[in-house]
């Protein structure tokens, strides 16, 4: 059985073409690609790439200035934060939440809209494997080109499960029997009708939006179009901790709000979800609201 795409680049001694992440004594990272006969230069001296080629991962190299650097392959979270960008990337904390709560599984058929710089595409491809299918849609050709280069650089070439289309999802979506749909775009509500037709019963829609107004409109649009259960929405934040002897405290900086995530599951055709029992707070729906349950009933 052949190895999954990109697996050979993740293990064994360093080889020509591998990406290397150096960590200096202050914890700063430097990423480069190994090339025979080349030198890596810093303000603390240099060392030849050949010194790392054939060496095991986790080796330490010293520059001509006698500064030690730890050499490891960059993890995917490291890679996506350092790769060239066209659009903003989906942060690893959000990509991890998408993989978990959208239940991305090996062999899944996934549609993604809003490729950006290829960060989430890389996470999705690694999760679905060579036997899955990821069809990504990106409106801007320049973003699509950057994303393609980033994904192929990470996997060492084209991924067999990936198809990238330049254009609007709602105008070009031809996929059927899709297990998961991920929408990372300004107006995901514009794609709901097309997405609803493509998803299998039980399939998951996951939207990634930046603002509360986008979040509210997306949720209300999902309720209005029908065919989905009640959406769940959340955000996540990460705070690292400083640990040195008895000095154990939270770091002064943290990764705070990056975006909101929401998920909803496709129902069988013709099925109405049970009525939601909790009542909205007084004034939750303004006087000019004309959407679902505008007559004062409890929203689904």
Protein backbone atom coordinates (compact mmCIF):
# COMPACT_ATOMS: atom_id res chain seq x y z
CA UNK A 1 0.00 0.00 0.00
CA UNK A 2 1.43 3.36 -1.01
CA UNK A 3 1.81 6.08 1.58
CA UNK A 4 -0.79 8.86 1.77
CA UNK A 5 0.13 12.02 -0.10
CA UNK A 6 2.66 14.05 1.85
CA UNK A 7 3.32 11.40 4.52
CA UNK A 8 6.88 10.71 3.35
CA UNK A 9 7.69 14.39 3.90
CA UNK A 10 6.72 14.13 7.57
CA UNK A 11 9.16 11.48 8.80
CA UNK A 12 12.73 10.17 8.46
CA UNK A 13 16.01 12.05 8.06
CA UNK A 14 16.00 15.49 6.43
CA UNK A 15 16.07 15.35 2.62
CA UNK A 16 16.63 17.86 -0.15
CA UNK A 17 13.35 19.73 -0.69
CA UNK A 18 12.20 19.32 2.92
CA UNK A 19 11.09 22.36 4.85
CA UNK A 20 13.03 22.99 8.05
CA UNK A 21 11.99 25.14 10.99
CA UNK A 22 14.88 26.44 13.07
CA UNK A 23 14.33 27.65 16.64
CA UNK A 24 16.90 30.01 18.14
CA UNK A 25 17.72 30.35 21.87
CA UNK A 26 15.02 33.06 22.22
CA UNK A 27 12.32 30.82 20.73
CA UNK A 28 12.14 32.62 17.37
CA UNK A 29 11.40 30.51 14.29
CA UNK A 30 13.05 30.57 10.85
CA UNK A 31 11.69 28.38 8.04
CA UNK A 32 13.52 27.48 4.82
CA UNK A 33 13.73 24.70 2.20
CA UNK A 34 16.77 22.43 2.12
CA UNK A 35 18.92 22.72 -1.02
CA UNK A 36 22.23 20.98 -1.59
CA UNK A 37 25.20 23.34 -1.61
CA UNK A 38 23.27 26.30 -0.15
CA UNK A 39 23.95 28.14 3.11
CA UNK A 40 21.51 29.47 5.70
CA UNK A 41 22.42 32.97 6.85
CA UNK A 42 21.39 34.87 9.99
CA UNK A 43 22.80 37.90 11.79
CA UNK A 44 24.39 35.32 14.12
CA UNK A 45 26.37 33.59 11.35
CA UNK A 46 25.64 30.87 8.85
CA UNK A 47 25.79 27.11 8.30
CA UNK A 48 25.58 24.88 5.18
CA UNK A 49 22.31 23.13 4.31
CA UNK A 50 24.39 19.99 3.73
CA UNK A 51 24.95 19.80 7.48
CA UNK A 52 21.25 18.99 7.92
CA UNK A 53 20.69 16.83 4.81
CA UNK A 54 20.65 13.24 6.06
CA UNK A 55 20.50 14.29 9.71
CA UNK A 56 17.62 13.11 11.93
CA UNK A 57 14.82 15.49 12.78
CA UNK A 58 15.42 17.13 16.14
CA UNK A 59 19.11 17.81 15.42
CA UNK A 60 20.96 20.91 16.64
CA UNK A 61 23.19 22.92 14.30
CA UNK A 62 25.59 25.73 15.14
CA UNK A 63 26.31 28.77 13.03
CA UNK A 64 29.74 30.24 12.40
CA UNK A 65 28.87 32.59 15.28
CA UNK A 66 28.52 29.54 17.60
CA UNK A 67 24.75 30.01 18.07
CA UNK A 68 22.77 26.78 18.40
CA UNK A 69 19.53 26.24 16.46
CA UNK A 70 17.10 23.35 16.92
CA UNK A 71 16.01 21.89 13.55
CA UNK A 72 12.56 20.32 13.14
CA UNK A 73 10.04 20.03 10.35
CA UNK A 74 7.33 22.68 10.74
CA UNK A 75 3.98 21.38 11.92
CA UNK A 76 0.97 22.26 9.79
CA UNK A 77 -0.10 24.98 12.29
CA UNK A 78 3.40 26.48 11.97
CA UNK A 79 3.31 26.21 8.19
CA UNK A 80 -0.02 27.98 7.67
CA UNK A 81 1.02 30.91 9.86
CA UNK A 82 4.27 31.45 7.95
CA UNK A 83 3.20 30.70 4.36
CA UNK A 84 2.69 33.45 1.74
CA UNK A 85 -0.75 35.05 2.02
CA UNK A 86 -3.24 36.48 -0.40
CA UNK A 87 -6.18 36.62 2.00
CA UNK A 88 -6.16 36.13 5.76
CA UNK A 89 -5.65 32.54 6.85
CA UNK A 90 -7.97 30.43 8.99
CA UNK A 91 -6.09 30.19 12.29
CA UNK A 92 -5.13 26.70 13.51
CA UNK A 93 -7.45 27.04 16.53
CA UNK A 94 -10.42 27.55 14.19
CA UNK A 95 -9.27 24.90 11.71
CA UNK A 96 -9.07 22.40 14.57
CA UNK A 97 -12.60 23.29 15.68
CA UNK A 98 -13.87 22.88 12.11
CA UNK A 99 -12.26 19.45 11.76
CA UNK A 100 -13.79 18.34 15.08
CA UNK A 101 -17.27 19.87 15.05
CA UNK A 102 -17.88 19.49 11.32
CA UNK A 103 -16.81 15.88 11.86
CA UNK A 104 -14.38 15.72 8.92
CA UNK A 105 -13.55 12.05 8.40
CA UNK A 106 -11.26 10.03 6.07
CA UNK A 107 -12.91 9.64 2.67
CA UNK A 108 -15.40 12.48 3.24
CA UNK A 109 -16.77 14.44 0.29
CA UNK A 110 -16.31 18.09 1.24
CA UNK A 111 -17.12 21.37 -0.52
CA UNK A 112 -15.32 24.52 0.59
CA UNK A 113 -16.09 28.09 -0.48
CA UNK A 114 -13.57 30.85 0.21
CA UNK A 115 -10.11 29.29 -0.18
CA UNK A 116 -8.16 32.37 0.86
CA UNK A 117 -4.50 31.36 1.15
CA UNK A 118 -5.09 27.61 1.40
CA UNK A 119 -4.81 27.20 5.18
CA UNK A 120 -8.11 25.39 5.78
CA UNK A 121 -7.75 23.48 2.49
CA UNK A 122 -4.51 21.95 3.81
CA UNK A 123 -6.14 20.87 7.07
CA UNK A 124 -9.16 19.43 5.25
CA UNK A 125 -7.06 17.51 2.72
CA UNK A 126 -4.95 15.94 5.44
CA UNK A 127 -8.12 14.87 7.27
CA UNK A 128 -10.03 13.38 4.32
CA UNK A 129 -6.98 11.64 2.81
CA UNK A 130 -6.40 10.52 -0.75
CA UNK A 131 -9.73 8.67 -0.96
CA UNK A 132 -11.82 11.70 -0.04
CA UNK A 133 -12.87 14.66 -2.18
CA UNK A 134 -12.39 18.36 -1.51
CA UNK A 135 -13.84 20.75 -4.07
CA UNK A 136 -12.81 24.30 -3.24
CA UNK A 137 -14.37 27.42 -4.77
CA UNK A 138 -12.63 30.80 -4.77
CA UNK A 139 -13.93 33.97 -6.42
CA UNK A 140 -10.53 35.60 -6.91
CA UNK A 141 -8.04 34.01 -9.26
CA UNK A 142 -5.03 35.61 -7.54
CA UNK A 143 -6.08 34.11 -4.20
CA UNK A 144 -6.64 30.73 -5.88
CA UNK A 145 -3.12 30.80 -7.35
CA UNK A 146 -1.54 31.54 -3.96
CA UNK A 147 -3.62 28.84 -2.28
CA UNK A 148 -2.65 26.26 -4.91
CA UNK A 149 1.05 27.03 -4.45
CA UNK A 150 0.81 26.83 -0.66
CA UNK A 151 -1.08 23.54 -0.66
CA UNK A 152 1.25 21.93 -3.20
CA UNK A 153 4.31 23.15 -1.31
CA UNK A 154 3.05 21.51 1.86
CA UNK A 155 2.11 18.16 0.27
CA UNK A 156 5.06 18.09 -2.15
CA UNK A 157 2.87 18.35 -5.26
CA UNK A 158 -0.80 18.26 -6.35
CA UNK A 159 -3.12 16.45 -3.96
CA UNK A 160 -5.23 13.76 -5.70
CA UNK A 161 -8.33 14.58 -3.65
CA UNK A 162 -8.35 18.31 -4.41
CA UNK A 163 -10.21 20.23 -7.10
CA UNK A 164 -10.02 24.03 -7.16
CA UNK A 165 -12.55 26.10 -9.11
CA UNK A 166 -12.35 29.86 -9.64
CA UNK A 167 -15.85 31.33 -9.41
CA UNK A 168 -18.87 31.75 -7.13
CA UNK A 169 -20.07 28.60 -5.42
CA UNK A 170 -23.76 29.36 -5.97
CA UNK A 171 -23.17 29.72 -9.72
CA UNK A 172 -20.81 26.77 -10.21
CA UNK A 173 -21.73 24.13 -7.63
CA UNK A 174 -22.36 20.86 -9.45
CA UNK A 175 -21.35 18.42 -6.70
CA UNK A 176 -24.01 16.12 -5.27
CA UNK A 177 -24.09 13.71 -2.35
CA UNK A 178 -21.75 15.99 -0.39
CA UNK A 179 -21.03 15.06 3.25
CA UNK A 180 -19.78 18.43 4.50
CA UNK A 181 -19.86 22.05 3.31
CA UNK A 182 -17.54 24.70 4.77
CA UNK A 183 -18.34 28.35 3.96
CA UNK A 184 -15.63 30.90 4.77
CA UNK A 185 -16.99 33.98 3.02
CA UNK A 186 -18.60 37.38 3.54
CA UNK A 187 -22.17 36.35 2.74
CA UNK A 188 -22.69 32.60 3.34
CA UNK A 189 -26.49 33.10 3.29
CA UNK A 190 -26.23 33.62 -0.49
CA UNK A 191 -25.16 29.98 -0.90
CA UNK A 192 -27.65 28.23 1.39
CA UNK A 193 -30.10 27.15 -1.30
CA UNK A 194 -27.36 25.60 -3.44
CA UNK A 195 -25.73 24.00 -0.42
CA UNK A 196 -29.03 22.53 0.77
CA UNK A 197 -29.45 20.70 -2.54
CA UNK A 198 -25.89 19.33 -2.49
CA UNK A 199 -25.74 18.02 1.09
CA UNK A 200 -26.82 14.49 1.97
CA UNK A 201 -29.35 14.05 4.80
CA UNK A 202 -27.39 14.28 8.02
CA UNK A 203 -24.62 16.23 6.29
CA UNK A 204 -23.09 19.20 8.08
CA UNK A 205 -22.94 22.84 7.05
CA UNK A 206 -20.19 24.81 8.81
CA UNK A 207 -19.86 28.59 8.39
CA UNK A 208 -16.95 30.78 9.48
CA UNK A 209 -17.79 34.48 9.78
CA UNK A 210 -16.04 37.46 11.35
CA UNK A 211 -18.78 39.68 12.76
CA UNK A 212 -21.90 39.38 14.89
CA UNK A 213 -24.06 40.86 12.12
CA UNK A 214 -22.87 38.17 9.68
CA UNK A 215 -23.48 35.53 12.34
CA UNK A 216 -27.02 36.71 13.07
CA UNK A 217 -28.00 36.96 9.41
CA UNK A 218 -26.57 33.52 8.62
CA UNK A 219 -28.47 31.88 11.48
CA UNK A 220 -31.76 33.58 10.58
CA UNK A 221 -31.31 32.64 6.91
CA UNK A 222 -30.74 28.99 7.84
CA UNK A 223 -33.94 29.04 9.89
CA UNK A 224 -35.86 30.73 7.08
CA UNK A 225 -34.74 28.42 4.26
CA UNK A 226 -35.57 25.32 6.30
CA UNK A 227 -34.19 21.85 5.80
CA UNK A 228 -31.66 22.18 8.66
CA UNK A 229 -31.80 21.62 12.39
CA UNK A 230 -31.27 24.51 14.81
CA UNK A 231 -27.79 26.03 14.18
CA UNK A 232 -25.14 26.03 16.90
CA UNK A 233 -22.74 28.98 17.09
CA UNK A 234 -19.60 29.64 19.15
CA UNK A 235 -16.12 31.15 19.21
CA UNK A 236 -12.90 29.95 20.82
CA UNK A 237 -9.95 31.72 22.39
CA UNK A 238 -6.49 30.48 23.33
CA UNK A 239 -4.36 31.71 26.19
CA UNK A 240 -0.88 30.26 26.70
CA UNK A 241 0.74 29.97 30.12
CA UNK A 242 4.20 30.96 31.28
CA UNK A 243 5.74 28.19 33.42
CA UNK A 244 9.17 28.69 34.97
CA UNK A 245 9.77 27.16 38.38
CA UNK A 246 7.20 28.59 40.76
CA UNK A 247 6.35 31.41 38.34
CA UNK A 248 3.20 29.95 36.77
CA UNK A 249 0.92 32.57 35.25
CA UNK A 250 -1.08 33.25 32.08
CA UNK A 251 0.74 35.00 29.26
CA UNK A 252 -0.04 38.67 28.81
CA UNK A 253 -1.07 38.07 25.22
CA UNK A 254 -3.59 35.61 23.81
CA UNK A 255 -5.24 34.62 20.54
CA UNK A 256 -8.66 36.18 21.07
CA UNK A 257 -11.48 36.65 18.61
CA UNK A 258 -10.68 35.53 15.08
CA UNK A 259 -14.13 34.48 13.91
CA UNK A 260 -17.42 32.82 14.77
CA UNK A 261 -18.22 29.24 13.81
CA UNK A 262 -21.66 27.78 13.35
CA UNK A 263 -22.86 24.36 12.32
CA UNK A 264 -26.22 22.97 11.21
CA UNK A 265 -27.21 19.51 9.98
CA UNK A 266 -29.20 18.78 6.84
CA UNK A 267 -32.55 17.16 7.46
CA UNK A 268 -34.27 14.62 5.24
CA UNK A 269 -36.31 16.16 2.42
CA UNK A 270 -39.72 17.41 3.53
CA UNK A 271 -38.94 17.14 7.25
CA UNK A 272 -39.67 20.03 9.61
CA UNK A 273 -37.53 20.21 12.76
CA UNK A 274 -39.34 20.09 16.12
CA UNK A 275 -40.29 23.49 17.51
CA UNK A 276 -37.68 24.98 19.80
CA UNK A 277 -39.20 25.37 23.27
CA UNK A 278 -37.25 28.26 24.72
CA UNK A 279 -38.79 31.67 24.13
CA UNK A 280 -36.72 34.60 22.86
CA UNK A 281 -35.96 37.49 25.20
CA UNK A 282 -38.33 40.44 24.95
CA UNK A 283 -37.11 42.71 22.17
CA UNK A 284 -34.86 40.06 20.61
CA UNK A 285 -36.73 40.61 17.35
CA UNK A 286 -37.24 44.28 16.43
CA UNK A 287 -40.52 45.80 15.32
CA UNK A 288 -39.42 45.74 11.69
CA UNK A 289 -38.53 42.01 11.79
CA UNK A 290 -40.43 40.06 9.13
CA UNK A 291 -38.61 36.72 9.14
CA UNK A 292 -39.67 33.36 10.55
CA UNK A 293 -42.05 33.50 13.52
CA UNK A 294 -42.73 37.20 12.97
CA UNK A 295 -46.20 36.60 14.43
CA UNK A 296 -44.69 36.16 17.88
CA UNK A 297 -44.42 32.39 18.06
CA UNK A 298 -41.31 30.70 19.38
CA UNK A 299 -38.64 30.42 16.67
CA UNK A 300 -37.62 26.95 15.68
